[in-house]
Protein backbone atom coordinates (compact mmCIF):
# COMPACT_ATOMS: atom_id res chain seq x y z
CA MET A 1 289.03 28.53 -102.96
CA ALA A 2 286.66 31.42 -104.42
CA PHE A 3 283.25 31.91 -103.63
CA LEU A 4 280.57 30.02 -106.31
CA PRO A 5 276.84 29.72 -106.27
CA LYS A 6 275.46 26.72 -104.11
CA LEU A 7 274.23 25.80 -107.91
CA SER A 8 277.90 25.32 -109.11
CA VAL A 9 278.46 22.57 -106.45
CA LEU A 10 275.17 20.91 -107.42
CA VAL A 11 277.14 20.55 -111.01
CA LEU A 12 280.09 19.64 -110.02
CA ASN A 13 278.27 16.75 -108.04
CA LEU A 14 276.42 15.10 -111.62
CA CYS A 15 279.47 15.56 -113.50
CA PHE A 16 281.28 13.45 -110.72
CA TRP A 17 278.42 10.52 -110.49
CA ALA A 18 278.22 10.53 -114.90
CA ASN A 19 281.86 10.44 -115.22
CA PHE A 20 282.19 13.82 -117.46
CA ILE A 21 284.84 16.40 -117.37
CA CYS A 22 282.94 19.78 -116.79
CA VAL A 23 284.35 23.25 -116.29
CA VAL A 24 282.33 25.66 -113.84
CA SER A 25 283.77 29.51 -114.21
CA GLN A 26 283.26 32.02 -111.71
CA PRO A 27 280.47 34.20 -111.69
CA SER A 28 280.24 36.93 -113.76
CA ALA A 29 279.70 40.84 -113.13
CA LEU A 30 277.45 42.59 -114.53
CA ASN A 31 277.30 43.23 -117.70
CA LEU A 32 277.91 47.22 -118.62
CA VAL A 33 274.30 47.65 -120.21
CA GLU A 34 272.80 46.85 -117.18
CA GLN A 35 274.95 48.51 -114.91
CA GLU A 36 274.51 51.55 -116.98
CA ALA A 37 270.97 50.88 -117.29
CA VAL A 38 271.00 50.69 -113.22
CA TYR A 39 272.95 54.12 -112.84
CA ASN A 40 270.10 55.94 -115.71
CA VAL A 41 267.13 55.15 -113.02
CA LEU A 42 268.66 55.75 -110.01
CA GLU A 43 269.81 59.15 -111.33
CA SER A 44 265.53 59.64 -112.73
CA ILE A 45 264.13 59.07 -109.83
CA ASN A 46 266.62 61.45 -108.04
CA SER A 47 269.20 63.21 -109.89
CA ASP A 48 271.02 64.62 -106.31
CA VAL A 49 272.87 61.48 -105.15
CA PRO A 50 275.88 60.43 -106.83
CA TRP A 51 275.12 57.69 -107.37
CA ARG A 52 278.20 56.59 -109.96
CA SER A 53 280.48 57.31 -107.42
CA LEU A 54 279.20 55.88 -104.69
CA PHE A 55 279.05 52.31 -106.42
CA PRO A 56 281.30 52.21 -108.57
CA ASP A 57 281.76 48.69 -109.09
CA ASP A 58 279.62 45.71 -109.66
CA LEU A 59 276.73 47.17 -108.88
CA CYS A 60 275.01 43.25 -107.97
CA SER A 61 278.01 43.06 -105.70
CA SER A 62 277.62 46.35 -103.96
CA SER A 63 274.96 48.77 -104.98
CA ALA A 64 272.30 50.56 -102.90
CA HIS A 65 269.58 48.75 -100.84
CA GLY A 66 266.92 48.63 -103.58
CA VAL A 67 268.52 46.68 -106.53
CA LEU A 68 268.77 43.30 -106.47
CA CYS A 69 270.34 40.70 -108.91
CA ASP A 70 270.58 37.11 -108.95
CA TYR A 71 272.82 34.80 -110.84
CA PHE A 72 271.86 32.28 -114.31
CA VAL A 73 273.20 28.77 -115.43
CA LEU A 74 274.43 29.55 -118.66
CA GLN A 75 275.38 25.36 -120.13
CA ASP A 76 277.40 25.12 -122.90
CA ASN A 77 278.76 21.55 -123.43
CA PHE A 78 280.48 20.41 -120.86
CA THR A 79 281.09 24.29 -119.23
CA THR A 80 278.67 26.29 -116.93
CA THR A 81 278.84 29.99 -116.69
CA TYR A 82 277.39 31.88 -114.34
CA THR A 83 275.60 35.40 -115.28
CA ALA A 84 274.77 37.77 -113.11
CA HIS A 85 271.27 39.94 -113.98
CA VAL A 86 269.31 42.64 -112.40
CA THR A 87 266.00 40.80 -110.76
CA GLU A 88 264.34 43.43 -108.50
CA LEU A 89 263.86 46.89 -108.71
CA SER A 90 262.83 48.40 -105.28
CA LEU A 91 262.21 53.04 -105.27
CA GLY A 92 260.95 54.78 -102.70
CA TYR A 93 262.36 54.97 -99.00
CA VAL A 94 260.44 52.88 -96.94
CA SER A 95 261.92 52.62 -93.30
CA ASP A 96 265.12 52.35 -91.65
CA TYR A 97 264.79 48.55 -91.98
CA ALA A 98 263.96 48.77 -95.77
CA PRO A 99 265.95 52.22 -96.76
CA ASN A 100 265.37 51.83 -101.06
CA PRO A 101 266.87 54.51 -102.89
CA PRO A 102 264.89 57.41 -101.80
CA CYS A 103 262.77 59.71 -104.26
CA THR A 104 262.95 63.45 -104.97
CA PRO A 105 259.77 65.39 -106.14
CA ASN A 106 260.86 65.12 -109.51
CA SER A 107 261.09 61.95 -109.92
CA THR A 108 261.25 60.87 -113.55
CA LEU A 109 260.83 57.22 -115.01
CA ASN A 110 260.95 56.46 -118.53
CA ALA A 111 259.64 52.88 -119.32
CA SER A 112 262.56 52.60 -121.91
CA LEU A 113 264.87 52.92 -119.42
CA LEU A 114 263.41 49.17 -118.17
CA ALA A 115 264.33 47.98 -121.63
CA PRO A 116 267.39 46.40 -120.96
CA PHE A 117 266.45 44.82 -117.86
CA SER A 118 265.54 41.05 -119.24
CA TYR A 119 265.34 39.06 -116.29
CA LEU A 120 263.70 41.70 -113.92
CA THR A 121 261.05 40.28 -112.18
CA LYS A 122 259.64 43.22 -109.27
CA ILE A 123 259.10 46.91 -110.11
CA PHE A 124 258.28 48.45 -106.53
CA ILE A 125 258.06 51.78 -106.68
CA TYR A 126 257.12 54.04 -103.63
CA LYS A 127 256.41 57.91 -103.16
CA CYS A 128 257.95 58.69 -106.00
CA PHE A 129 256.64 60.89 -108.46
CA THR A 130 254.06 63.67 -105.80
CA GLU A 131 254.50 66.55 -107.75
CA ASN A 132 255.86 66.38 -111.63
CA GLU A 133 254.01 64.20 -113.78
CA VAL A 134 254.28 61.15 -114.86
CA PRO A 135 253.06 58.96 -117.30
CA PHE A 136 252.02 55.34 -115.76
CA PRO A 137 254.14 52.94 -118.27
CA GLU A 138 252.86 51.40 -120.89
CA PHE A 139 252.14 47.27 -120.48
CA GLU A 140 253.68 46.40 -123.78
CA SER A 141 256.95 48.55 -122.90
CA LEU A 142 257.78 45.95 -119.40
CA PRO A 143 259.84 43.33 -119.77
CA SER A 144 257.73 40.67 -120.26
CA SER A 145 259.60 38.45 -117.34
CA LEU A 146 257.86 40.46 -115.11
CA GLU A 147 256.30 39.21 -111.55
CA GLU A 148 255.33 41.98 -109.77
CA LEU A 149 254.63 45.43 -110.57
CA VAL A 150 253.79 47.32 -107.60
CA PHE A 151 253.01 51.69 -107.76
CA MET A 152 251.77 52.57 -104.46
CA GLU A 153 251.56 56.72 -103.34
CA ASN A 154 252.08 58.05 -106.27
CA PRO A 155 249.64 60.90 -106.58
CA ALA A 156 251.32 62.77 -109.79
CA LEU A 157 251.22 59.05 -111.91
CA VAL A 158 249.47 59.72 -114.50
CA GLY A 159 247.34 58.72 -117.05
CA SER A 160 245.86 55.27 -117.72
CA LEU A 161 245.76 51.76 -117.94
CA SER A 162 247.84 49.77 -120.80
CA GLU A 163 244.54 48.10 -123.17
CA LYS A 164 247.91 46.15 -124.64
CA VAL A 165 249.33 44.09 -122.05
CA GLY A 166 251.98 43.09 -124.10
CA ASN A 167 253.56 39.38 -122.82
CA LEU A 168 253.69 39.95 -119.28
CA THR A 169 252.63 36.42 -118.88
CA SER A 170 254.73 35.94 -115.98
CA LEU A 171 252.80 38.61 -113.56
CA ARG A 172 251.72 37.84 -110.16
CA ARG A 173 251.26 40.95 -108.58
CA LEU A 174 249.51 44.37 -109.95
CA VAL A 175 248.81 46.85 -107.61
CA LEU A 176 248.33 50.45 -108.58
CA SER A 177 247.21 52.65 -105.28
CA GLY A 178 246.92 56.13 -104.76
CA SER A 179 247.66 57.70 -108.33
CA ALA A 180 245.72 60.14 -110.21
CA VAL A 181 245.61 57.26 -112.64
CA SER A 182 242.24 57.66 -114.82
CA GLY A 183 240.27 55.77 -117.57
CA GLU A 184 238.71 52.37 -117.36
CA ILE A 185 239.41 48.79 -116.13
CA PRO A 186 240.77 47.37 -119.31
CA ASP A 187 238.93 44.03 -120.21
CA GLU A 188 242.76 42.75 -120.93
CA LEU A 189 244.08 42.17 -118.21
CA GLY A 190 241.59 39.65 -118.39
CA GLY A 191 244.50 37.56 -120.08
CA LEU A 192 247.00 38.06 -117.42
CA PHE A 193 246.32 34.79 -116.07
CA ASN A 194 248.74 34.02 -113.50
CA LEU A 195 247.75 36.96 -111.81
CA GLU A 196 247.52 36.90 -108.06
CA GLN A 197 246.40 40.03 -107.41
CA LEU A 198 244.54 43.11 -108.61
CA THR A 199 244.89 45.99 -106.52
CA LEU A 200 243.89 49.02 -108.16
CA SER A 201 242.90 51.21 -105.10
CA ARG A 202 242.72 55.12 -104.03
CA ASN A 203 243.04 56.64 -108.06
CA ARG A 204 240.27 58.14 -110.53
CA ILE A 205 239.75 54.21 -112.61
CA GLY A 206 235.64 55.09 -113.61
CA GLY A 207 233.90 52.77 -115.82
CA GLU A 208 232.02 49.19 -115.48
CA ILE A 209 234.25 46.61 -114.02
CA PRO A 210 234.86 44.04 -116.53
CA VAL A 211 233.91 40.82 -117.49
CA GLY A 212 236.98 39.64 -118.43
CA LEU A 213 238.20 39.57 -115.06
CA LYS A 214 236.34 36.56 -114.87
CA THR A 215 238.75 34.58 -116.44
CA LEU A 216 241.62 34.75 -113.20
CA LYS A 217 241.29 31.93 -111.75
CA LYS A 218 244.22 32.21 -109.65
CA LEU A 219 243.20 35.76 -108.23
CA LYS A 220 243.48 35.86 -104.83
CA VAL A 221 242.97 39.67 -103.98
CA LEU A 222 240.65 42.48 -105.90
CA ASP A 223 240.74 45.06 -104.76
CA LEU A 224 239.12 47.96 -106.58
CA SER A 225 238.13 50.05 -103.41
CA GLN A 226 237.80 54.11 -104.17
CA ASN A 227 237.40 54.34 -107.48
CA GLU A 228 235.04 55.99 -109.68
CA LEU A 229 233.57 52.58 -111.11
CA GLU A 230 229.90 52.38 -111.82
CA GLU A 231 227.27 50.12 -113.28
CA SER A 232 227.01 46.80 -111.08
CA VAL A 233 229.13 43.87 -110.06
CA PRO A 234 229.29 41.37 -113.02
CA GLU A 235 228.19 37.72 -112.14
CA PRO A 236 230.84 35.91 -113.68
CA LEU A 237 233.23 37.56 -110.90
CA GLY A 238 231.31 34.91 -108.49
CA ASN A 239 233.50 32.42 -110.20
CA LEU A 240 236.52 33.46 -108.87
CA ALA A 241 236.92 30.56 -106.57
CA GLN A 242 240.35 31.02 -105.31
CA LEU A 243 239.99 34.86 -104.24
CA LEU A 244 240.35 35.41 -100.52
CA LYS A 245 239.62 39.04 -100.99
CA LEU A 246 237.15 40.73 -102.47
CA ASP A 247 237.19 44.88 -102.18
CA LEU A 248 235.04 47.17 -104.51
CA SER A 249 233.66 49.61 -101.53
CA TYR A 250 233.60 53.82 -102.01
CA ASN A 251 232.51 53.44 -105.34
CA ARG A 252 229.32 54.28 -107.63
CA LEU A 253 228.34 50.93 -108.18
CA SER A 254 224.52 50.37 -108.12
CA GLY A 255 222.27 47.27 -108.61
CA LYS A 256 221.49 44.48 -106.44
CA ILE A 257 224.43 42.23 -105.00
CA PRO A 258 224.80 39.03 -107.24
CA GLU A 259 223.59 36.34 -105.93
CA SER A 260 226.49 34.63 -107.76
CA LEU A 261 229.35 36.08 -105.02
CA LYS A 262 228.10 32.97 -102.95
CA GLY A 263 230.60 30.58 -105.89
CA LEU A 264 233.27 32.60 -103.87
CA LYS A 265 233.68 29.56 -101.09
CA SER A 266 236.92 30.64 -100.42
CA LEU A 267 236.47 34.46 -99.34
CA GLU A 268 237.79 36.03 -96.04
CA PHE A 269 237.47 39.44 -96.62
CA LEU A 270 234.10 41.29 -97.98
CA ASP A 271 233.46 45.25 -98.54
CA LEU A 272 231.20 46.15 -100.76
CA SER A 273 230.19 49.88 -98.54
CA TYR A 274 229.57 52.97 -99.56
CA ASN A 275 228.36 51.77 -103.70
CA ARG A 276 224.52 52.55 -104.87
CA PHE A 277 223.30 48.68 -104.17
CA SER A 278 219.48 49.44 -103.46
CA ASN A 279 217.16 46.84 -102.51
CA SER A 280 218.41 44.01 -101.94
CA GLY A 281 217.84 43.60 -98.67
CA VAL A 282 221.65 41.64 -96.60
CA PRO A 283 222.20 39.05 -98.35
CA LEU A 284 221.01 35.21 -97.45
CA PHE A 285 224.14 33.69 -99.40
CA LEU A 286 226.59 34.93 -96.60
CA ALA A 287 225.23 31.98 -94.63
CA GLU A 288 226.69 30.27 -97.47
CA MET A 289 230.62 31.34 -96.73
CA PRO A 290 232.01 30.25 -94.20
CA ASN A 291 235.25 31.15 -94.84
CA LEU A 292 233.99 34.62 -94.28
CA ARG A 293 236.03 37.00 -91.43
CA GLU A 294 235.01 40.30 -92.20
CA VAL A 295 231.95 41.81 -94.33
CA TYR A 296 231.39 45.73 -94.73
CA MET A 297 228.43 46.47 -96.94
CA SER A 298 227.73 49.85 -94.55
CA GLY A 299 226.09 53.23 -96.87
CA ASN A 300 224.39 51.31 -99.28
CA PHE A 301 220.38 51.24 -98.72
CA LEU A 302 220.03 47.39 -98.09
CA GLY A 303 217.30 47.78 -96.32
CA GLY A 304 214.53 45.12 -94.92
CA GLN A 305 215.02 43.05 -91.17
CA ILE A 306 218.99 41.56 -90.05
CA PRO A 307 217.96 38.48 -91.32
CA GLU A 308 219.01 34.82 -89.24
CA ILE A 309 221.86 33.55 -90.97
CA TRP A 310 224.79 33.65 -88.90
CA GLU A 311 225.05 29.93 -87.54
CA ASN A 312 227.33 29.18 -90.34
CA LEU A 313 229.24 32.20 -89.27
CA GLY A 314 231.04 32.37 -86.42
CA GLY A 315 234.62 33.17 -87.30
CA VAL A 316 233.59 36.99 -88.67
CA VAL A 317 235.39 39.17 -86.54
CA GLY A 318 233.96 42.89 -88.30
CA LEU A 319 230.61 43.40 -89.98
CA GLY A 320 229.66 46.35 -91.33
CA LEU A 321 226.18 47.32 -91.82
CA SER A 322 225.87 51.29 -90.89
CA ARG A 323 223.98 53.43 -93.40
CA THR A 324 221.95 50.69 -94.98
CA GLY A 325 217.87 51.11 -94.18
CA LEU A 326 217.43 48.10 -91.59
CA ILE A 327 214.58 48.01 -89.71
CA GLY A 328 213.02 45.64 -87.10
CA ASN A 329 214.86 43.65 -84.68
CA ILE A 330 218.33 42.94 -83.46
CA PRO A 331 218.05 38.76 -84.00
CA ALA A 332 218.79 37.38 -80.97
CA SER A 333 221.35 35.11 -83.20
CA MET A 334 223.63 37.48 -83.63
CA GLY A 335 224.87 37.60 -79.88
CA VAL A 336 224.83 33.77 -80.22
CA TYR A 337 226.90 32.37 -83.28
CA LEU A 338 228.82 35.91 -83.46
CA LYS A 339 231.21 35.10 -80.62
CA ASN A 340 234.09 36.14 -82.25
CA ILE A 341 232.70 39.44 -83.27
CA CYS A 342 235.04 42.30 -82.28
CA TYR A 343 233.61 45.37 -84.58
CA LEU A 344 230.13 45.34 -84.81
CA GLY A 345 228.85 48.72 -86.84
CA LEU A 346 225.17 48.57 -87.01
CA ASP A 347 223.88 52.36 -86.26
CA ASN A 348 222.15 55.12 -88.26
CA ASN A 349 219.49 52.50 -89.15
CA LYS A 350 216.26 52.49 -88.17
CA LEU A 351 216.23 49.69 -85.34
CA GLU A 352 214.16 49.06 -82.82
CA GLY A 353 212.75 46.79 -79.61
CA THR A 354 215.73 46.11 -76.99
CA LEU A 355 219.06 44.60 -77.56
CA PRO A 356 219.60 41.48 -76.71
CA GLU A 357 220.89 39.51 -73.91
CA GLU A 358 223.47 38.08 -75.40
CA PHE A 359 224.96 40.92 -76.60
CA GLY A 360 226.47 41.75 -73.06
CA ALA A 361 228.31 38.13 -73.82
CA LEU A 362 230.15 39.47 -77.05
CA GLU A 363 233.65 39.07 -75.24
CA TYR A 364 235.89 40.42 -78.16
CA VAL A 365 233.90 43.06 -78.88
CA ASN A 366 236.07 46.62 -78.39
CA GLU A 367 233.76 48.67 -81.12
CA LEU A 368 230.06 48.95 -80.72
CA HIS A 369 228.19 50.76 -82.71
CA LEU A 370 224.92 51.10 -82.42
CA GLU A 371 223.70 54.98 -82.11
CA ASN A 372 220.97 57.08 -83.99
CA ASN A 373 218.47 53.97 -84.30
CA ASN A 374 214.82 54.00 -81.91
CA LEU A 375 216.52 51.32 -79.19
CA SER A 376 215.22 51.02 -76.00
CA GLY A 377 214.60 49.03 -72.97
CA ARG A 378 217.60 48.27 -70.51
CA LEU A 379 221.56 47.70 -71.69
CA PRO A 380 222.68 43.83 -71.20
CA PHE A 381 226.29 45.34 -70.60
CA SER A 382 228.43 44.62 -67.29
CA SER A 383 230.69 47.04 -66.34
CA LYS A 384 233.54 45.39 -67.40
CA PHE A 385 231.92 44.92 -70.77
CA VAL A 386 231.89 49.26 -71.11
CA SER A 387 234.86 49.86 -69.38
CA LYS A 388 236.34 47.63 -72.07
CA VAL A 389 235.38 49.12 -75.25
CA GLY A 390 235.22 52.81 -73.31
CA GLU A 391 234.41 55.57 -75.93
CA LYS A 392 233.90 53.01 -78.98
CA LEU A 393 230.86 51.95 -77.66
CA LYS A 394 228.45 54.41 -79.73
CA LEU A 395 224.55 54.74 -77.77
CA GLU A 396 223.55 58.13 -78.28
CA GLY A 397 220.98 58.81 -80.40
CA ASN A 398 217.85 56.25 -78.41
CA PRO A 399 216.62 58.19 -76.32
CA GLN A 400 214.50 55.20 -75.39
CA LEU A 401 217.43 53.00 -73.67
CA CYS A 402 218.45 52.87 -70.09
CA ALA A 403 221.28 52.11 -68.49
CA ASP A 404 221.72 50.72 -65.16
CA GLU A 405 222.92 53.04 -61.82
CA GLY A 406 225.95 49.97 -61.43
CA LEU A 407 227.53 50.92 -64.61
CA ARG A 408 228.76 53.76 -63.33
CA ILE A 409 232.61 53.38 -63.85
CA PRO A 410 234.86 56.12 -62.99
CA ASN A 411 237.62 58.23 -65.07
CA VAL A 412 236.00 55.80 -68.40
CA SER A 413 234.04 58.58 -70.83
CA VAL A 414 231.81 56.76 -72.74
CA SER A 415 228.69 57.63 -75.28
CA LEU A 416 225.98 56.92 -72.87
CA ARG A 417 225.33 60.58 -72.37
CA PRO A 418 221.73 60.65 -73.38
CA LEU A 419 220.42 57.02 -71.60
CA LYS A 420 218.50 57.48 -68.13
CA MET A 421 218.91 55.36 -65.77
CA CYS A 422 216.34 52.27 -65.73
CA ASN A 423 214.85 53.61 -62.99
CA ASN A 424 213.63 57.14 -64.40
CA ALA A 425 216.56 58.85 -62.40
CA THR A 426 218.07 61.48 -64.42
CA VAL A 427 222.12 61.55 -65.10
CA PRO A 428 223.35 63.33 -62.13
CA LYS A 429 226.04 65.49 -62.83
CA SER A 430 228.54 64.17 -60.90
CA SER A 431 228.61 60.69 -63.16
CA PRO A 432 231.26 59.79 -65.56
CA PHE A 433 228.40 59.43 -68.47
CA SER A 434 227.85 63.84 -67.59
CA GLY A 435 229.06 65.68 -70.64
CA ALA A 436 230.49 63.13 -72.23
CA SER A 437 232.51 63.24 -75.54
CA LEU A 438 229.88 61.91 -78.81
CA VAL A 439 232.58 60.98 -81.24
CA LEU A 440 231.05 59.79 -85.02
CA LEU A 441 234.22 57.44 -86.65
CA PRO A 442 233.64 55.55 -88.95
CA ALA A 443 235.08 52.16 -89.05
CA SER A 444 238.22 51.75 -91.00
CA HIS A 445 240.25 49.31 -92.45
CA PHE A 446 243.26 49.12 -94.71
CA VAL A 447 245.05 46.70 -96.97
CA THR A 448 248.72 46.50 -95.87
CA ALA A 449 250.06 43.99 -97.40
CA MET A 450 248.31 41.14 -100.01
CA PHE A 451 247.11 39.32 -97.31
CA ALA A 452 246.82 41.43 -94.29
CA TYR A 453 243.02 42.57 -93.92
CA GLY A 454 240.75 44.87 -92.19
CA VAL A 455 242.14 46.60 -88.70
CA CYS A 456 239.55 43.97 -86.57
CA LYS A 457 241.43 40.46 -87.59
CA THR A 458 244.66 42.57 -85.56
CA ALA A 459 242.53 43.97 -82.75
CA CYS A 460 241.24 40.42 -82.14
CA GLN A 461 244.89 39.51 -82.00
CA ASN A 462 245.89 41.47 -79.47
């Protein structure tokens, strides 16, 4: 018996129980219009491959890895017909596990080539446009059936985001990352009500964050990092109740961090680092966001003292408050409540006083930056702690700190060199601390998938 899609079995069963006579036809091959359109797309991204001779038959039965089809039901009286259509196009070699059709440096893709694909739900393009400039397609020229539109690492992709979003009302993911696209984010993107992910990172997008994004009630990921965005963060963004990740880092945003963000009760990842926020202090409203796991605000002049807000933030694994103008003491409550912390950056501030004894009990820490403050007194760390953290324990630039002689650990290079022993003895030349390299490495974190957050989340699970 020839293969039929599983749905045909269901249709036959329904006909049997309803005492109807039904005719279920064999699935049809991909129609010639879409077949030719697939060839045209493949040839535009890599004309060096003889696509037509490699895949001369029905492309829904045998095709390059990134071309996927599905079968759709057409019911006519008592006859059920299955028609094949292309539903996904994934272009650009990613790995041996996903050997999509590879692109050449002179790849192009005219949006008109996509017009015949009226059932297309996903376009994924990775490292295809690297030399010759290719314009970002107008939204209104894309199939209205699209649910995912993903462009990653295409530095020669130019132009701007269209204000005419067309009929892309089914779009759930819009990802544009690592391109030369400029201009502003159109307010009209707020009309894509089904969006769950909006990632526009590492481009040249300027202007303000549009208030219209407040209507994206289903949004779970908003990543606008590493652009040229200016002005303040719109208060209405705090109404995106389902948001899990908000990344606005490495822009030119200014003013105060809006208190309305406390409305993001589901938020797990918040990165506002390296903007121009000022004089707002570490936001007290963080205490009202108990689902937070990573918080990064480094590189803004927040000022003030570290507040006592950590009791409800025991799930935090990454916290970056480097270069934020902090003064005063480090509260012991950070060591008491941040039991799951694995990255903590408090460096390059004006913190003073002793390190809380509770910091010595932070068993999951694998990166601790305290350098270039005015800290003093004895280190509360055990030899086991120093050995585990190793070179990612940063303490230089605190001349009044001292270390117990018992902290000497052979064959471990840690950045303790400016430290003296607590008995005022100098560090001997034979000590493993002598001549240790002082490497300043900023914490890095990036999103590799829709809900994969910073490096800390992975590190703490190892």
